[in-house]
Amino acid sequence: MEHLSKAQVKWVRSLQQKKHRDAEGVFVAEGAKCVEELRKAFELVLLATSDNATYTEIEQMSSLRTPQGVIGVFKKREFNSEIPSGLLVALDGVQDPGNLGTIIRTCDWFGIHDILCSRDTADCYNPKVVQATMGALARVRVHYVDLPKELTLLRQTGLPLYGTLLEGENMYEPYAIPDKQRGVIIMGNEGNGISESIRKLITHPLLIPSYPINASTSESLNVSIATAIVLAEFRRIRE
């Protein structure tokens, strides 16, 4: 394997910035397991290991405090504009890369293959997001869309729009989720929740109840934790 050039090392390092990822149409993944998973779905552009780079060069290219020794650069995928039916997740302004990566990984676990994101949601190709997904991007498609417009169109087709709100119905009540096989589960921003423009489109507001119900407790749940709880309920088979 030919040793990486200084220009290649510098190029990989530059891809930590979104403007360079967008301009080049690529992204970076780190760690042998993550890189191997992504190779199943993305075109590999460059691979850096101990076979073609020194540890110092790996450190220079890595975004991690402790580099894992394997770095892959992949070409981004292009998706068609058609959003499939079934069960989807929509993210309204989720900002934290760790939260987004965890949500993508959680969707992968629960068989959610498409996520709709508002344009102000964190970049799914941010190295921190990619790292947190642990390769789940190979199976979960992330679409950045005009979210109010897209949800309006989906609602017009009769698709239920679920959203987690304090004034929602206890999601564990049998009537709260009339159809677990199709719909859009909307999760909001870490600090502000679901925006007003999206909130008014929700057809089925849901509440994740605290325990005991109405007890004095934390103000809210972390959005990635909340997403996991809601998805677990949607995938639970009632007896």
Protein backbone atom coordinates (compact mmCIF):
# COMPACT_ATOMS: atom_id res chain seq x y z
CA MET A 1 0.00 0.00 0.00
CA GLU A 2 1.46 3.33 -1.08
CA HIS A 3 2.29 5.75 1.73
CA LEU A 4 -0.02 8.75 2.03
CA SER A 5 1.38 12.06 0.85
CA LYS A 6 1.50 15.22 2.96
CA ALA A 7 -1.19 16.68 0.69
CA GLN A 8 -3.49 13.72 1.38
CA VAL A 9 -2.97 14.02 5.13
CA LYS A 10 -3.78 17.73 4.96
CA TRP A 11 -6.85 17.01 2.81
CA VAL A 12 -8.27 14.45 5.24
CA ARG A 13 -7.69 16.86 8.12
CA SER A 14 -9.58 19.60 6.24
CA LEU A 15 -12.66 17.37 6.01
CA GLN A 16 -13.42 18.01 9.66
CA GLN A 17 -14.99 21.24 8.37
CA LYS A 18 -18.42 21.05 6.77
CA LYS A 19 -17.57 23.45 3.95
CA HIS A 20 -14.81 21.15 2.75
CA ARG A 21 -16.97 18.01 3.09
CA ASP A 22 -19.72 19.70 1.07
CA ALA A 23 -17.30 20.95 -1.59
CA GLU A 24 -15.68 17.53 -2.01
CA GLY A 25 -18.81 15.42 -1.50
CA VAL A 26 -17.08 13.15 1.00
CA PHE A 27 -16.91 12.44 4.73
CA VAL A 28 -14.58 10.79 7.24
CA ALA A 29 -15.09 7.77 9.48
CA GLU A 30 -12.75 6.37 12.12
CA GLY A 31 -12.27 2.98 13.68
CA ALA A 32 -11.99 -0.43 12.01
CA LYS A 33 -15.56 -1.52 12.79
CA CYS A 34 -17.17 1.75 11.69
CA VAL A 35 -15.14 1.90 8.47
CA GLU A 36 -15.93 -1.73 7.65
CA GLU A 37 -19.67 -1.17 8.16
CA LEU A 38 -19.70 1.92 5.96
CA ARG A 39 -17.85 0.13 3.15
CA LYS A 40 -21.01 -1.94 2.65
CA ALA A 41 -22.97 1.13 1.51
CA PHE A 42 -20.53 3.91 0.59
CA GLU A 43 -17.74 4.19 -1.95
CA LEU A 44 -14.35 4.26 -0.24
CA VAL A 45 -12.17 7.08 -1.53
CA LEU A 46 -9.15 6.79 0.79
CA LEU A 47 -8.08 4.43 3.56
CA ALA A 48 -5.43 5.29 6.14
CA THR A 49 -3.98 2.61 8.42
CA SER A 50 -0.63 1.78 9.98
CA ASP A 51 0.27 0.22 6.62
CA ASN A 52 0.36 3.54 4.78
CA ALA A 53 0.58 6.24 7.47
CA THR A 54 2.62 6.88 10.60
CA TYR A 55 0.97 7.26 13.98
CA THR A 56 1.73 10.98 13.87
CA GLU A 57 -0.03 11.27 10.52
CA ILE A 58 -3.03 9.34 11.84
CA GLU A 59 -3.14 11.76 14.78
CA GLN A 60 -3.07 14.73 12.40
CA MET A 61 -5.98 13.35 10.38
CA SER A 62 -8.04 12.19 13.35
CA SER A 63 -10.74 14.17 15.15
CA LEU A 64 -10.45 11.91 18.22
CA ARG A 65 -8.34 12.46 21.32
CA THR A 66 -7.20 8.86 21.02
CA PRO A 67 -7.04 7.85 17.34
CA GLN A 68 -8.23 4.32 16.59
CA GLY A 69 -5.68 3.67 13.86
CA VAL A 70 -8.05 3.33 10.90
CA ILE A 71 -9.50 6.28 8.97
CA GLY A 72 -11.71 6.03 5.91
CA VAL A 73 -12.86 8.76 3.54
CA PHE A 74 -16.14 7.93 1.81
CA LYS A 75 -18.17 9.47 -0.97
CA LYS A 76 -21.56 10.77 0.16
CA ARG A 77 -24.66 9.06 -1.20
CA GLU A 78 -27.26 10.81 -3.31
CA PHE A 79 -30.91 9.99 -2.58
CA ASN A 80 -33.89 10.41 -4.84
CA SER A 81 -36.48 12.93 -3.71
CA GLU A 82 -39.16 10.33 -2.99
CA ILE A 83 -39.68 9.70 0.72
CA PRO A 84 -40.87 6.14 1.42
CA SER A 85 -43.98 5.44 3.44
CA GLY A 86 -44.06 3.38 6.61
CA LEU A 87 -42.60 4.58 9.89
CA LEU A 88 -40.26 7.59 9.74
CA VAL A 89 -38.46 9.83 12.22
CA ALA A 90 -38.30 13.61 11.72
CA LEU A 91 -35.81 15.84 13.56
CA ASP A 92 -36.62 19.50 14.06
CA GLY A 93 -33.45 21.43 14.81
CA VAL A 94 -31.46 18.77 16.70
CA GLN A 95 -28.10 20.50 17.18
CA ASP A 96 -25.81 18.25 19.15
CA PRO A 97 -23.73 15.88 16.97
CA GLY A 98 -23.68 13.23 19.70
CA ASN A 99 -27.47 13.29 19.94
CA LEU A 100 -27.88 13.02 16.18
CA GLY A 101 -25.43 10.13 15.93
CA THR A 102 -27.16 8.28 18.77
CA ILE A 103 -30.57 8.83 17.16
CA ILE A 104 -29.32 7.43 13.84
CA ARG A 105 -27.91 4.39 15.62
CA THR A 106 -31.17 3.96 17.56
CA CYS A 107 -33.22 4.17 14.37
CA ASP A 108 -31.01 1.47 12.87
CA TRP A 109 -31.70 -0.78 15.87
CA PHE A 110 -35.47 -0.32 15.61
CA GLY A 111 -35.65 -0.74 11.84
CA ILE A 112 -36.24 2.90 10.89
CA HIS A 113 -34.54 3.38 7.53
CA ASP A 114 -35.29 7.06 6.81
CA ILE A 115 -34.89 10.22 8.90
CA LEU A 116 -36.20 13.60 7.76
CA CYS A 117 -34.15 16.51 9.10
CA SER A 118 -34.81 20.24 9.10
CA ARG A 119 -32.03 22.13 7.40
CA ASP A 120 -30.81 23.51 10.75
CA THR A 121 -30.28 20.02 12.17
CA ALA A 122 -26.64 19.01 12.70
CA ASP A 123 -24.76 17.59 9.71
CA CYS A 124 -25.01 13.80 9.69
CA TYR A 125 -21.51 13.69 8.14
CA ASN A 126 -19.91 15.60 11.00
CA PRO A 127 -17.09 13.31 12.29
CA LYS A 128 -18.65 13.27 15.78
CA VAL A 129 -21.99 12.19 14.33
CA VAL A 130 -20.39 9.50 12.16
CA GLN A 131 -18.47 8.19 15.15
CA ALA A 132 -21.61 8.02 17.30
CA THR A 133 -23.54 6.09 14.64
CA MET A 134 -21.05 3.20 14.77
CA GLY A 135 -21.70 2.44 11.11
CA ALA A 136 -25.50 2.82 11.20
CA LEU A 137 -25.30 5.33 8.34
CA ALA A 138 -24.84 2.32 6.09
CA ARG A 139 -28.49 1.40 6.69
CA VAL A 140 -30.23 4.66 7.64
CA ARG A 141 -30.84 7.36 5.03
CA VAL A 142 -30.79 10.95 6.34
CA HIS A 143 -32.71 13.49 4.24
CA TYR A 144 -32.33 17.25 4.76
CA VAL A 145 -35.57 18.88 3.66
CA ASP A 146 -37.88 21.86 4.09
CA LEU A 147 -39.43 20.10 7.07
CA PRO A 148 -42.71 22.07 7.42
CA LYS A 149 -43.38 21.64 3.70
CA GLU A 150 -42.50 17.93 3.71
CA LEU A 151 -44.60 17.18 6.78
CA THR A 152 -47.53 19.12 5.33
CA LEU A 153 -47.41 16.95 2.20
CA LEU A 154 -47.16 13.76 4.25
CA ARG A 155 -50.08 14.82 6.43
CA GLN A 156 -52.17 15.42 3.31
CA THR A 157 -51.65 11.78 2.34
CA GLY A 158 -53.25 10.75 5.65
CA LEU A 159 -50.02 9.80 7.37
CA PRO A 160 -50.22 10.31 11.16
CA LEU A 161 -47.76 12.86 12.55
CA TYR A 162 -46.68 12.08 16.11
CA GLY A 163 -44.83 14.58 18.30
CA THR A 164 -43.62 14.51 21.90
CA LEU A 165 -45.30 17.36 23.80
CA LEU A 166 -45.97 18.01 27.49
CA GLU A 167 -49.67 18.41 26.66
CA GLY A 168 -49.75 15.14 24.69
CA GLU A 169 -51.55 11.90 25.44
CA ASN A 170 -49.81 9.34 27.63
CA MET A 171 -48.17 7.24 24.91
CA TYR A 172 -48.74 4.03 26.87
CA GLU A 173 -52.52 4.40 26.58
CA PRO A 174 -53.90 2.07 23.87
CA TYR A 175 -55.61 4.91 22.01
CA ALA A 176 -52.55 7.20 21.88
CA ILE A 177 -50.93 5.42 18.91
CA PRO A 178 -53.63 4.16 16.54
CA ASP A 179 -51.16 2.79 13.95
CA LYS A 180 -47.69 1.62 14.89
CA GLN A 181 -46.71 0.62 11.36
CA ARG A 182 -46.92 3.98 9.61
CA GLY A 183 -46.47 7.62 10.54
CA VAL A 184 -43.83 10.21 11.33
CA ILE A 185 -42.32 10.50 14.82
CA ILE A 186 -41.19 14.11 15.29
CA MET A 187 -38.49 15.01 17.82
CA GLY A 188 -37.50 18.59 18.61
CA ASN A 189 -34.55 20.77 19.49
CA GLU A 190 -32.63 20.07 22.71
CA GLY A 191 -33.55 23.39 24.34
CA ASN A 192 -36.71 24.55 22.62
CA GLY A 193 -38.47 21.35 21.66
CA ILE A 194 -40.59 21.20 18.53
CA SER A 195 -40.92 24.54 16.73
CA GLU A 196 -44.32 26.22 16.41
CA SER A 197 -44.44 25.76 12.62
CA ILE A 198 -44.05 21.99 13.09
CA ARG A 199 -46.11 21.73 16.27
CA LYS A 200 -49.30 22.86 14.54
CA LEU A 201 -48.95 20.02 12.00
CA ILE A 202 -48.92 17.25 14.64
CA THR A 203 -52.00 15.05 14.50
CA HIS A 204 -51.19 12.87 17.52
CA PRO A 205 -49.34 14.62 20.39
CA LEU A 206 -47.63 12.14 22.70
CA LEU A 207 -46.38 12.42 26.26
CA ILE A 208 -43.62 10.27 27.74
CA PRO A 209 -44.92 10.16 31.33
CA SER A 210 -42.60 10.51 34.28
CA TYR A 211 -42.83 8.02 37.13
CA PRO A 212 -44.88 8.43 39.19
CA ILE A 213 -47.03 10.42 36.75
CA ASN A 214 -46.93 14.17 37.50
CA ALA A 215 -44.07 13.67 39.97
CA SER A 216 -41.58 16.48 40.56
CA THR A 217 -38.66 15.46 38.35
CA SER A 218 -36.26 16.67 35.67
CA GLU A 219 -37.70 19.24 33.28
CA SER A 220 -37.20 17.05 30.22
CA LEU A 221 -35.43 14.04 28.73
CA ASN A 222 -32.41 14.13 26.46
CA VAL A 223 -33.72 14.01 22.88
CA SER A 224 -31.80 10.86 21.94
CA ILE A 225 -33.07 9.07 25.06
CA ALA A 226 -36.61 10.25 24.34
CA THR A 227 -36.36 8.99 20.76
CA ALA A 228 -35.29 5.55 21.98
CA ILE A 229 -38.19 5.37 24.45
CA VAL A 230 -40.76 6.34 21.81
CA LEU A 231 -39.38 3.95 19.20
CA ALA A 232 -39.37 1.12 21.73
CA GLU A 233 -43.08 1.71 22.33
CA PHE A 234 -43.85 1.81 18.59
CA ARG A 235 -42.03 -1.49 18.11
CA ARG A 236 -43.61 -3.14 21.15
CA ILE A 237 -46.22 -5.74 20.23
CA ARG A 238 -49.32 -5.46 22.36
CA GLU A 239 -50.77 -8.70 23.64
